[in-house]
């Protein structure tokens, strides 16, 4: 679910960031349909455009890949 939208975000991240730096972007299909200062504002914009929940992605667009990657560390020791 929303894999296409997330793949679009990752593959077009640099151009999306250039156009919408540090914004919350609404992606539907393979297009940015709006951008906002906050998650709540982005959600309101999406709903106002008639997008149904579960059919769009709201992603914060920050510089670099920090917005869509996570690193987990553990202190597990195998002996």
C-alpha atoms as a PDB file:
ATOM      1  CA  UNK A   1       0.000   0.000   0.000  1.00  0.00           C
ATOM      2  CA  UNK A   2       1.407   3.369  -1.099  1.00  0.00           C
ATOM      3  CA  UNK A   3       4.567   1.660  -2.363  1.00  0.00           C
ATOM      4  CA  UNK A   4       4.283   3.452  -5.708  1.00  0.00           C
ATOM      5  CA  UNK A   5       4.033   6.842  -3.980  1.00  0.00           C
ATOM      6  CA  UNK A   6       6.998   6.123  -1.702  1.00  0.00           C
ATOM      7  CA  UNK A   7       9.149   4.856  -4.588  1.00  0.00           C
ATOM      8  CA  UNK A   8       8.264   8.017  -6.508  1.00  0.00           C
ATOM      9  CA  UNK A   9       9.322  10.151  -3.524  1.00  0.00           C
ATOM     10  CA  UNK A  10      12.646   8.352  -3.126  1.00  0.00           C
ATOM     11  CA  UNK A  11      13.506   8.359  -6.830  1.00  0.00           C
ATOM     12  CA  UNK A  12      12.553  12.040  -7.279  1.00  0.00           C
ATOM     13  CA  UNK A  13      13.691  13.271  -3.864  1.00  0.00           C
ATOM     14  CA  UNK A  14      16.250  15.800  -5.095  1.00  0.00           C
ATOM     15  CA  UNK A  15      13.841  17.575  -7.441  1.00  0.00           C
ATOM     16  CA  UNK A  16      11.012  17.467  -4.882  1.00  0.00           C
ATOM     17  CA  UNK A  17      13.333  18.958  -2.261  1.00  0.00           C
ATOM     18  CA  UNK A  18      14.424  21.667  -4.708  1.00  0.00           C
ATOM     19  CA  UNK A  19      10.784  22.635  -5.315  1.00  0.00           C
ATOM     20  CA  UNK A  20       9.458  22.064  -1.765  1.00  0.00           C
ATOM     21  CA  UNK A  21      12.340  22.279   0.743  1.00  0.00           C
ATOM     22  CA  UNK A  22      11.443  21.246   4.303  1.00  0.00           C
ATOM     23  CA  UNK A  23       7.749  20.917   3.454  1.00  0.00           C
ATOM     24  CA  UNK A  24       5.278  18.101   3.960  1.00  0.00           C
ATOM     25  CA  UNK A  25       4.406  16.948   0.456  1.00  0.00           C
ATOM     26  CA  UNK A  26       1.252  15.110  -0.557  1.00  0.00           C
ATOM     27  CA  UNK A  27       1.943  12.480  -3.204  1.00  0.00           C
ATOM     28  CA  UNK A  28      -0.821  10.722  -5.097  1.00  0.00           C
ATOM     29  CA  UNK A  29       0.198   8.211  -7.727  1.00  0.00           C
ATOM     30  CA  UNK A  30       3.387   9.586  -9.196  1.00  0.00           C
ATOM     31  CA  UNK A  31       2.803  13.283  -8.590  1.00  0.00           C
ATOM     32  CA  UNK A  32       3.197  15.846  -5.844  1.00  0.00           C
ATOM     33  CA  UNK A  33      -0.278  17.321  -5.527  1.00  0.00           C
ATOM     34  CA  UNK A  34       0.441  19.834  -2.737  1.00  0.00           C
ATOM     35  CA  UNK A  35       2.979  20.927  -0.148  1.00  0.00           C
ATOM     36  CA  UNK A  36       2.480  22.421   3.308  1.00  0.00           C
ATOM     37  CA  UNK A  37       4.308  23.676   6.383  1.00  0.00           C
ATOM     38  CA  UNK A  38       2.881  20.967   8.677  1.00  0.00           C
ATOM     39  CA  UNK A  39       1.523  17.442   8.505  1.00  0.00           C
ATOM     40  CA  UNK A  40      -1.914  18.625   9.610  1.00  0.00           C
ATOM     41  CA  UNK A  41      -2.018  21.295   6.910  1.00  0.00           C
ATOM     42  CA  UNK A  42      -0.944  18.750   4.269  1.00  0.00           C
ATOM     43  CA  UNK A  43      -3.676  16.370   5.416  1.00  0.00           C
ATOM     44  CA  UNK A  44      -6.273  19.144   5.260  1.00  0.00           C
ATOM     45  CA  UNK A  45      -5.156  20.045   1.744  1.00  0.00           C
ATOM     46  CA  UNK A  46      -5.382  16.435   0.595  1.00  0.00           C
ATOM     47  CA  UNK A  47      -8.858  16.013   2.017  1.00  0.00           C
ATOM     48  CA  UNK A  48      -9.985  19.327   0.477  1.00  0.00           C
ATOM     49  CA  UNK A  49      -8.851  18.023  -2.910  1.00  0.00           C
ATOM     50  CA  UNK A  50     -11.096  14.998  -2.450  1.00  0.00           C
ATOM     51  CA  UNK A  51      -8.328  12.450  -1.939  1.00  0.00           C
ATOM     52  CA  UNK A  52      -9.492   9.421   0.008  1.00  0.00           C
ATOM     53  CA  UNK A  53      -7.500   8.260   3.055  1.00  0.00           C
ATOM     54  CA  UNK A  54      -5.143   5.468   2.045  1.00  0.00           C
ATOM     55  CA  UNK A  55      -4.737   6.764  -1.510  1.00  0.00           C
ATOM     56  CA  UNK A  56      -2.011   9.336  -0.875  1.00  0.00           C
ATOM     57  CA  UNK A  57       1.252   9.698   0.999  1.00  0.00           C
ATOM     58  CA  UNK A  58       2.289  12.623   3.179  1.00  0.00           C
ATOM     59  CA  UNK A  59       6.072  12.753   3.454  1.00  0.00           C
ATOM     60  CA  UNK A  60       8.316  15.335   5.063  1.00  0.00           C
ATOM     61  CA  UNK A  61      10.874  16.423   2.489  1.00  0.00           C
ATOM     62  CA  UNK A  62      14.176  17.273   4.118  1.00  0.00           C
ATOM     63  CA  UNK A  63      17.635  17.466   2.636  1.00  0.00           C
ATOM     64  CA  UNK A  64      19.439  14.161   2.168  1.00  0.00           C
ATOM     65  CA  UNK A  65      17.969  10.754   2.815  1.00  0.00           C
ATOM     66  CA  UNK A  66      17.227  11.263   6.524  1.00  0.00           C
ATOM     67  CA  UNK A  67      13.517  11.748   5.808  1.00  0.00           C
ATOM     68  CA  UNK A  68      13.093   8.228   4.532  1.00  0.00           C
ATOM     69  CA  UNK A  69      15.800   6.105   6.142  1.00  0.00           C
ATOM     70  CA  UNK A  70      16.349   4.883   9.667  1.00  0.00           C
ATOM     71  CA  UNK A  71      19.332   3.313  11.377  1.00  0.00           C
ATOM     72  CA  UNK A  72      18.849   1.027  14.335  1.00  0.00           C
ATOM     73  CA  UNK A  73      21.596   0.157  16.777  1.00  0.00           C
ATOM     74  CA  UNK A  74      21.636  -2.679  19.230  1.00  0.00           C
ATOM     75  CA  UNK A  75      23.880  -3.771  22.056  1.00  0.00           C
ATOM     76  CA  UNK A  76      23.221  -7.438  21.532  1.00  0.00           C
ATOM     77  CA  UNK A  77      26.312  -9.570  21.900  1.00  0.00           C
ATOM     78  CA  UNK A  78      26.455 -13.045  20.409  1.00  0.00           C
ATOM     79  CA  UNK A  79      28.817 -15.476  22.054  1.00  0.00           C
END
